[in-house]
């Protein structure tokens, strides 16, 4: 066991991407609201891949998750970054900021999870949530309510 805090040379993580990837715009649906997002799909990483859903903070958008998405997709994860309905003035999802709450955002995230579970290239037993700021609160609430569907959580 290595307890010195250094990674042995044969285990060092390379900064070079391991997988090329493509991105696509992809919508989820919650009631009458379309939820806009961008999915990052690694190429040649396997038939059913682990997936991460990024939830932005108050006033943010899917753009805030780009650096996370690029780092994770290069290592073989499918990543979905989306805009909460009414989550910001620049949101590309439907909805008004006047109607948005952490509870409507939880419903958005639940709709996104269901959409991700239906993708043929996503391992629906390995869906992880990644949330920042208010998106972290929403991710934690959702993970607590969907323990059997969420493999892990990073706030």
Protein backbone atom coordinates (compact mmCIF):
# COMPACT_ATOMS: atom_id res chain seq x y z
CA UNK A 1 0.00 0.00 0.00
CA UNK A 2 1.33 3.43 -0.94
CA UNK A 3 0.69 5.87 1.91
CA UNK A 4 3.07 8.64 0.88
CA UNK A 5 0.47 10.49 -1.19
CA UNK A 6 2.33 10.04 -4.45
CA UNK A 7 1.19 7.94 -7.34
CA UNK A 8 3.62 5.21 -8.39
CA UNK A 9 5.02 5.91 -11.85
CA UNK A 10 3.16 2.99 -13.41
CA UNK A 11 -0.15 4.45 -12.12
CA UNK A 12 0.34 8.11 -13.02
CA UNK A 13 -2.58 9.71 -14.75
CA UNK A 14 -1.78 11.19 -18.12
CA UNK A 15 -3.07 14.62 -19.07
CA UNK A 16 -3.53 13.33 -22.59
CA UNK A 17 -7.12 12.43 -23.53
CA UNK A 18 -7.72 8.72 -23.80
CA UNK A 19 -10.82 8.99 -26.00
CA UNK A 20 -11.95 11.25 -28.78
CA UNK A 21 -15.54 12.38 -28.40
CA UNK A 22 -18.46 14.00 -30.09
CA UNK A 23 -21.10 16.34 -28.72
CA UNK A 24 -24.78 16.62 -29.55
CA UNK A 25 -27.62 18.83 -28.42
CA UNK A 26 -30.15 16.64 -26.64
CA UNK A 27 -33.46 17.54 -25.00
CA UNK A 28 -35.21 15.89 -22.07
CA UNK A 29 -38.88 16.52 -21.35
CA UNK A 30 -40.62 17.46 -18.08
CA UNK A 31 -44.34 17.93 -18.50
CA UNK A 32 -44.68 20.79 -21.02
CA UNK A 33 -41.06 21.94 -20.60
CA UNK A 34 -38.20 21.00 -22.89
CA UNK A 35 -34.89 20.74 -21.06
CA UNK A 36 -31.93 21.73 -23.22
CA UNK A 37 -28.57 20.05 -22.84
CA UNK A 38 -25.39 18.96 -24.54
CA UNK A 39 -24.23 15.36 -24.34
CA UNK A 40 -20.56 14.41 -24.63
CA UNK A 41 -20.05 10.90 -25.98
CA UNK A 42 -16.65 9.17 -25.97
CA UNK A 43 -15.81 7.24 -29.11
CA UNK A 44 -14.79 3.58 -28.91
CA UNK A 45 -15.10 3.47 -25.10
CA UNK A 46 -17.51 0.54 -25.00
CA UNK A 47 -21.09 -0.38 -25.72
CA UNK A 48 -22.59 0.81 -22.41
CA UNK A 49 -20.67 3.50 -20.62
CA UNK A 50 -20.76 5.15 -17.21
CA UNK A 51 -22.54 8.48 -17.27
CA UNK A 52 -22.27 11.75 -15.36
CA UNK A 53 -25.01 14.38 -15.23
CA UNK A 54 -23.78 17.90 -14.44
CA UNK A 55 -26.15 20.33 -12.66
CA UNK A 56 -25.19 24.02 -12.67
CA UNK A 57 -25.68 26.51 -9.86
CA UNK A 58 -28.19 29.35 -9.54
CA UNK A 59 -28.03 31.71 -12.51
CA UNK A 60 -25.72 29.36 -14.42
CA UNK A 61 -26.13 27.22 -17.49
CA UNK A 62 -24.79 24.08 -19.10
CA UNK A 63 -21.72 26.10 -20.14
CA UNK A 64 -20.44 25.97 -16.55
CA UNK A 65 -19.95 22.20 -16.91
CA UNK A 66 -17.84 22.24 -20.07
CA UNK A 67 -14.46 21.82 -18.34
CA UNK A 68 -15.80 18.94 -16.24
CA UNK A 69 -17.39 17.34 -19.30
CA UNK A 70 -14.25 17.56 -21.41
CA UNK A 71 -12.10 16.05 -18.66
CA UNK A 72 -14.54 13.19 -17.99
CA UNK A 73 -15.47 12.33 -21.58
CA UNK A 74 -11.79 12.09 -22.50
CA UNK A 75 -11.58 9.33 -19.90
CA UNK A 76 -14.55 7.36 -21.21
CA UNK A 77 -17.58 8.80 -19.38
CA UNK A 78 -20.73 9.96 -21.15
CA UNK A 79 -21.47 13.45 -19.75
CA UNK A 80 -24.67 15.48 -19.98
CA UNK A 81 -24.70 19.19 -19.10
CA UNK A 82 -28.10 20.85 -19.14
CA UNK A 83 -29.94 24.08 -18.34
CA UNK A 84 -32.53 23.94 -15.58
CA UNK A 85 -35.94 25.24 -16.68
CA UNK A 86 -35.95 28.89 -15.67
CA UNK A 87 -32.49 28.42 -14.16
CA UNK A 88 -31.07 31.65 -15.56
CA UNK A 89 -31.91 34.48 -17.96
CA UNK A 90 -29.80 32.76 -20.63
CA UNK A 91 -31.29 29.29 -20.16
CA UNK A 92 -32.04 27.44 -23.37
CA UNK A 93 -34.61 25.31 -21.55
CA UNK A 94 -38.26 26.29 -21.29
CA UNK A 95 -39.65 27.98 -18.20
CA UNK A 96 -39.40 31.21 -16.25
CA UNK A 97 -37.12 32.14 -13.38
CA UNK A 98 -40.26 33.26 -11.53
CA UNK A 99 -41.52 29.65 -11.54
CA UNK A 100 -38.19 27.97 -10.73
CA UNK A 101 -37.35 26.48 -7.32
CA UNK A 102 -35.07 23.74 -6.07
CA UNK A 103 -38.12 21.47 -6.30
CA UNK A 104 -38.79 22.22 -9.99
CA UNK A 105 -35.07 21.77 -10.59
CA UNK A 106 -35.27 18.37 -8.90
CA UNK A 107 -38.08 17.43 -11.31
CA UNK A 108 -35.87 18.61 -14.20
CA UNK A 109 -33.00 16.43 -12.97
CA UNK A 110 -35.32 13.44 -12.56
CA UNK A 111 -36.46 13.91 -16.17
CA UNK A 112 -32.83 14.05 -17.29
CA UNK A 113 -32.02 10.85 -15.36
CA UNK A 114 -34.94 9.06 -17.03
CA UNK A 115 -33.79 10.28 -20.45
CA UNK A 116 -30.22 9.10 -19.77
CA UNK A 117 -31.46 5.68 -18.62
CA UNK A 118 -33.11 5.27 -22.01
CA UNK A 119 -29.95 5.86 -24.06
CA UNK A 120 -28.61 2.61 -25.49
CA UNK A 121 -24.97 3.57 -24.90
CA UNK A 122 -25.41 4.49 -21.21
CA UNK A 123 -24.99 1.89 -18.47
CA UNK A 124 -28.12 2.74 -16.50
CA UNK A 125 -26.66 1.03 -13.41
CA UNK A 126 -23.79 3.54 -13.40
CA UNK A 127 -25.23 7.04 -13.51
CA UNK A 128 -23.44 9.62 -11.36
CA UNK A 129 -24.50 13.15 -10.41
CA UNK A 130 -22.14 16.12 -10.33
CA UNK A 131 -23.49 19.38 -9.00
CA UNK A 132 -22.10 22.79 -8.16
CA UNK A 133 -23.65 25.32 -5.77
CA UNK A 134 -27.45 25.13 -6.01
CA UNK A 135 -27.02 22.33 -8.55
CA UNK A 136 -25.22 20.44 -5.79
CA UNK A 137 -28.21 20.86 -3.47
CA UNK A 138 -30.55 19.62 -6.18
CA UNK A 139 -28.22 16.70 -6.98
CA UNK A 140 -28.05 15.69 -3.29
CA UNK A 141 -31.85 15.85 -2.90
CA UNK A 142 -32.35 13.82 -6.06
CA UNK A 143 -29.73 11.21 -5.15
CA UNK A 144 -31.36 10.76 -1.73
CA UNK A 145 -34.75 10.15 -3.37
CA UNK A 146 -33.32 7.81 -6.05
CA UNK A 147 -30.75 5.73 -4.19
CA UNK A 148 -31.30 2.67 -6.38
CA UNK A 149 -30.75 4.64 -9.59
CA UNK A 150 -27.74 6.81 -8.71
CA UNK A 151 -24.33 5.14 -8.44
CA UNK A 152 -22.52 8.12 -6.94
CA UNK A 153 -22.56 11.81 -6.19
CA UNK A 154 -19.96 14.56 -6.33
CA UNK A 155 -20.79 18.00 -4.95
